[in-house]
Amino acid sequence: MPNIKNKSPWDMGNYFVTPIDHISASWCLNNSIKVYPLAKAVGEWWIEIDLNGKIHRSPYVYTKVMVWEKLHEYYRYYYNKYKPKDNS
């Protein structure tokens, strides 16, 4: 009989992080930009963005897996917006 783990109602699903997701999240965290999920209810999350101590909450509620996709989309957005531009 297979070992089947019961998923919690708070389970946020799986998201496979790409190399650019790693780069953008690392750069943002090193530059005081934090993006994280905040539970609203079972199976629903807001996303909060902390920009140097100023916190913004997404106007939308995200469901399982979508929360991770949007979280990394925000990291990529802020990475592309604020990273130093190459002069070459």
N, C-alpha and C. Protein backbone atom coordinates (compact mmCIF):
# COMPACT_ATOMS: atom_id res chain seq x y z
N MET A 1 0.85 -1.18 0.00
CA MET A 1 0.00 0.00 0.00
C MET A 1 0.90 1.24 0.00
N PRO A 2 0.65 2.19 -0.92
CA PRO A 2 1.50 3.39 -0.97
C PRO A 2 1.29 4.28 0.24
N ASN A 3 2.34 5.03 0.56
CA ASN A 3 2.28 5.98 1.67
C ASN A 3 1.67 7.28 1.15
N ILE A 4 0.43 7.50 1.43
CA ILE A 4 -0.28 8.69 0.95
C ILE A 4 -0.42 9.67 2.10
N LYS A 5 0.19 10.82 1.93
CA LYS A 5 0.14 11.86 2.96
C LYS A 5 -1.13 12.68 2.76
N ASN A 6 -1.90 12.82 3.81
CA ASN A 6 -3.10 13.66 3.72
C ASN A 6 -2.68 15.11 3.67
N LYS A 7 -3.19 15.83 2.71
CA LYS A 7 -2.87 17.25 2.55
C LYS A 7 -3.72 18.08 3.51
N SER A 8 -3.10 19.05 4.10
CA SER A 8 -3.79 19.98 4.98
C SER A 8 -4.65 20.93 4.14
N PRO A 9 -5.73 21.44 4.68
CA PRO A 9 -6.50 22.44 3.93
C PRO A 9 -5.68 23.72 3.70
N TRP A 10 -4.58 23.87 4.45
CA TRP A 10 -3.71 25.04 4.29
C TRP A 10 -2.60 24.77 3.27
N ASP A 11 -2.61 23.59 2.66
CA ASP A 11 -1.59 23.24 1.67
C ASP A 11 -1.58 24.28 0.55
N MET A 12 -0.38 24.78 0.23
CA MET A 12 -0.24 25.83 -0.78
C MET A 12 0.20 25.28 -2.13
N GLY A 13 0.29 23.98 -2.26
CA GLY A 13 0.66 23.38 -3.53
C GLY A 13 2.14 23.44 -3.79
N ASN A 14 2.53 22.96 -4.95
CA ASN A 14 3.93 22.93 -5.34
C ASN A 14 4.19 23.90 -6.48
N TYR A 15 5.34 24.51 -6.44
CA TYR A 15 5.76 25.41 -7.52
C TYR A 15 7.24 25.13 -7.76
N PHE A 16 7.60 24.89 -9.00
CA PHE A 16 8.99 24.62 -9.34
C PHE A 16 9.66 25.93 -9.72
N VAL A 17 10.60 26.34 -8.88
CA VAL A 17 11.27 27.62 -9.03
C VAL A 17 12.29 27.54 -10.17
N THR A 18 12.27 28.53 -11.05
CA THR A 18 13.21 28.59 -12.17
C THR A 18 14.49 29.30 -11.73
N PRO A 19 15.55 29.20 -12.51
CA PRO A 19 16.79 29.92 -12.16
C PRO A 19 16.57 31.44 -12.04
N ILE A 20 15.77 32.05 -12.91
CA ILE A 20 15.54 33.49 -12.80
C ILE A 20 14.71 33.81 -11.55
N ASP A 21 13.85 32.88 -11.12
CA ASP A 21 13.12 33.08 -9.86
C ASP A 21 14.11 33.15 -8.70
N HIS A 22 15.09 32.26 -8.68
CA HIS A 22 16.11 32.26 -7.63
C HIS A 22 16.90 33.57 -7.64
N ILE A 23 17.33 33.97 -8.82
CA ILE A 23 18.13 35.19 -8.95
C ILE A 23 17.35 36.42 -8.49
N SER A 24 16.10 36.53 -8.97
CA SER A 24 15.31 37.72 -8.64
C SER A 24 14.94 37.76 -7.16
N ALA A 25 14.55 36.62 -6.58
CA ALA A 25 14.20 36.59 -5.16
C ALA A 25 15.41 36.91 -4.30
N SER A 26 16.55 36.34 -4.64
CA SER A 26 17.78 36.60 -3.88
C SER A 26 18.16 38.07 -3.94
N TRP A 27 18.11 38.66 -5.14
CA TRP A 27 18.45 40.07 -5.30
C TRP A 27 17.48 40.94 -4.48
N CYS A 28 16.19 40.64 -4.56
CA CYS A 28 15.20 41.44 -3.82
C CYS A 28 15.43 41.35 -2.32
N LEU A 29 15.63 40.15 -1.81
CA LEU A 29 15.85 39.99 -0.37
C LEU A 29 17.10 40.72 0.10
N ASN A 30 18.15 40.69 -0.72
CA ASN A 30 19.38 41.41 -0.38
C ASN A 30 19.21 42.93 -0.45
N ASN A 31 18.14 43.39 -1.08
CA ASN A 31 17.88 44.82 -1.23
C ASN A 31 16.60 45.25 -0.51
N SER A 32 16.26 44.54 0.56
CA SER A 32 15.14 44.87 1.44
C SER A 32 13.78 44.91 0.74
N ILE A 33 13.60 44.03 -0.23
CA ILE A 33 12.29 43.86 -0.87
C ILE A 33 11.85 42.44 -0.56
N LYS A 34 10.77 42.33 0.21
CA LYS A 34 10.28 41.01 0.62
C LYS A 34 8.86 40.82 0.10
N VAL A 35 8.60 39.65 -0.45
CA VAL A 35 7.28 39.29 -0.95
C VAL A 35 6.89 37.99 -0.27
N TYR A 36 5.70 37.95 0.33
CA TYR A 36 5.32 36.75 1.08
C TYR A 36 3.81 36.59 1.09
N PRO A 37 3.33 35.32 1.23
CA PRO A 37 1.90 35.08 1.31
C PRO A 37 1.39 35.35 2.72
N LEU A 38 0.15 35.78 2.80
CA LEU A 38 -0.52 36.03 4.07
C LEU A 38 -1.89 35.37 3.99
N ALA A 39 -2.17 34.45 4.90
CA ALA A 39 -3.41 33.69 4.86
C ALA A 39 -4.62 34.59 5.11
N LYS A 40 -5.63 34.42 4.27
CA LYS A 40 -6.91 35.10 4.46
C LYS A 40 -7.91 34.12 5.07
N ALA A 41 -7.98 32.95 4.47
CA ALA A 41 -8.86 31.87 4.93
C ALA A 41 -8.26 30.57 4.42
N VAL A 42 -8.87 29.47 4.77
CA VAL A 42 -8.39 28.18 4.30
C VAL A 42 -8.39 28.18 2.77
N GLY A 43 -7.22 27.96 2.18
CA GLY A 43 -7.12 27.89 0.72
C GLY A 43 -7.06 29.22 0.01
N GLU A 44 -6.93 30.33 0.76
CA GLU A 44 -6.88 31.66 0.15
C GLU A 44 -5.79 32.49 0.82
N TRP A 45 -5.03 33.20 -0.02
CA TRP A 45 -3.93 34.03 0.48
C TRP A 45 -3.88 35.36 -0.24
N TRP A 46 -3.50 36.39 0.49
CA TRP A 46 -3.10 37.65 -0.10
C TRP A 46 -1.59 37.56 -0.31
N ILE A 47 -1.05 38.49 -1.04
CA ILE A 47 0.40 38.61 -1.12
C ILE A 47 0.75 39.98 -0.57
N GLU A 48 1.71 40.01 0.36
CA GLU A 48 2.19 41.27 0.90
C GLU A 48 3.59 41.53 0.37
N ILE A 49 3.83 42.80 0.10
CA ILE A 49 5.13 43.24 -0.42
C ILE A 49 5.67 44.29 0.54
N ASP A 50 6.85 44.02 1.07
CA ASP A 50 7.51 44.92 2.00
C ASP A 50 8.66 45.59 1.24
N LEU A 51 8.47 46.86 0.93
CA LEU A 51 9.50 47.64 0.22
C LEU A 51 10.17 48.56 1.23
N ASN A 52 11.32 48.11 1.72
CA ASN A 52 12.08 48.89 2.70
C ASN A 52 11.24 49.32 3.90
N GLY A 53 10.40 48.43 4.40
CA GLY A 53 9.59 48.71 5.58
C GLY A 53 8.19 49.21 5.30
N LYS A 54 7.88 49.57 4.06
CA LYS A 54 6.53 50.00 3.71
C LYS A 54 5.80 48.80 3.11
N ILE A 55 4.71 48.38 3.76
CA ILE A 55 4.02 47.15 3.38
C ILE A 55 2.79 47.45 2.53
N HIS A 56 2.70 46.71 1.43
CA HIS A 56 1.56 46.80 0.51
C HIS A 56 0.93 45.43 0.40
N ARG A 57 -0.41 45.37 0.41
CA ARG A 57 -1.12 44.09 0.27
C ARG A 57 -1.80 44.05 -1.09
N SER A 58 -1.72 42.90 -1.74
CA SER A 58 -2.38 42.75 -3.04
C SER A 58 -3.89 42.90 -2.87
N PRO A 59 -4.55 43.50 -3.85
CA PRO A 59 -6.00 43.65 -3.76
C PRO A 59 -6.74 42.34 -4.05
N TYR A 60 -6.03 41.36 -4.56
CA TYR A 60 -6.65 40.09 -4.94
C TYR A 60 -6.28 38.99 -3.98
N VAL A 61 -7.11 37.97 -3.94
CA VAL A 61 -6.86 36.78 -3.13
C VAL A 61 -6.46 35.67 -4.10
N TYR A 62 -5.43 34.92 -3.73
CA TYR A 62 -4.92 33.86 -4.59
C TYR A 62 -5.16 32.51 -3.96
N THR A 63 -5.34 31.51 -4.80
CA THR A 63 -5.59 30.15 -4.35
C THR A 63 -4.31 29.33 -4.45
N LYS A 64 -4.43 28.08 -4.06
CA LYS A 64 -3.33 27.12 -4.08
C LYS A 64 -2.58 27.18 -5.41
N VAL A 65 -1.30 27.14 -5.38
CA VAL A 65 -0.35 27.20 -6.49
C VAL A 65 -0.31 28.60 -7.11
N MET A 66 -1.46 29.22 -7.35
CA MET A 66 -1.47 30.57 -7.92
C MET A 66 -0.71 31.54 -7.03
N VAL A 67 -0.75 31.32 -5.73
CA VAL A 67 -0.07 32.22 -4.80
C VAL A 67 1.44 32.21 -5.06
N TRP A 68 2.02 31.03 -5.35
CA TRP A 68 3.46 30.94 -5.61
C TRP A 68 3.81 31.56 -6.96
N GLU A 69 2.97 31.35 -7.95
CA GLU A 69 3.21 31.94 -9.27
C GLU A 69 3.23 33.46 -9.18
N LYS A 70 2.25 34.02 -8.48
CA LYS A 70 2.18 35.47 -8.35
C LYS A 70 3.31 36.01 -7.49
N LEU A 71 3.67 35.32 -6.43
CA LEU A 71 4.76 35.74 -5.57
C LEU A 71 6.06 35.88 -6.38
N HIS A 72 6.36 34.90 -7.20
CA HIS A 72 7.59 34.97 -8.00
C HIS A 72 7.46 35.97 -9.14
N GLU A 73 6.25 36.18 -9.62
CA GLU A 73 6.03 37.23 -10.63
C GLU A 73 6.36 38.60 -10.03
N TYR A 74 5.96 38.83 -8.79
CA TYR A 74 6.30 40.10 -8.11
C TYR A 74 7.81 40.23 -7.91
N TYR A 75 8.48 39.16 -7.48
CA TYR A 75 9.93 39.22 -7.33
C TYR A 75 10.60 39.59 -8.66
N ARG A 76 10.17 38.95 -9.75
CA ARG A 76 10.75 39.26 -11.06
C ARG A 76 10.48 40.71 -11.46
N TYR A 77 9.28 41.20 -11.15
CA TYR A 77 8.92 42.58 -11.48
C TYR A 77 9.85 43.56 -10.76
N TYR A 78 10.02 43.40 -9.45
CA TYR A 78 10.85 44.33 -8.69
C TYR A 78 12.33 44.18 -9.03
N TYR A 79 12.75 42.97 -9.34
CA TYR A 79 14.13 42.76 -9.78
C TYR A 79 14.38 43.53 -11.07
N ASN A 80 13.51 43.40 -12.04
CA ASN A 80 13.67 44.10 -13.33
C ASN A 80 13.52 45.61 -13.20
N LYS A 81 12.69 46.04 -12.26
CA LYS A 81 12.46 47.48 -12.08
C LYS A 81 13.64 48.17 -11.40
N TYR A 82 14.23 47.54 -10.38
CA TYR A 82 15.22 48.22 -9.55
C TYR A 82 16.66 47.75 -9.71
N LYS A 83 16.91 46.64 -10.37
CA LYS A 83 18.30 46.19 -10.49
C LYS A 83 19.12 47.21 -11.26
N PRO A 84 20.39 47.33 -10.95
CA PRO A 84 21.24 48.27 -11.69
C PRO A 84 21.30 47.88 -13.17
N LYS A 85 21.26 48.88 -14.01
CA LYS A 85 21.32 48.66 -15.45
C LYS A 85 22.77 48.53 -15.88
N ASP A 86 23.03 47.64 -16.82
CA ASP A 86 24.38 47.51 -17.39
C ASP A 86 24.65 48.68 -18.32
N ASN A 87 25.85 49.20 -18.28
CA ASN A 87 26.24 50.32 -19.15
C ASN A 87 26.87 49.86 -20.43
N SER A 88 26.87 48.55 -20.69
CA SER A 88 27.52 48.05 -21.90
C SER A 88 26.57 48.01 -23.09
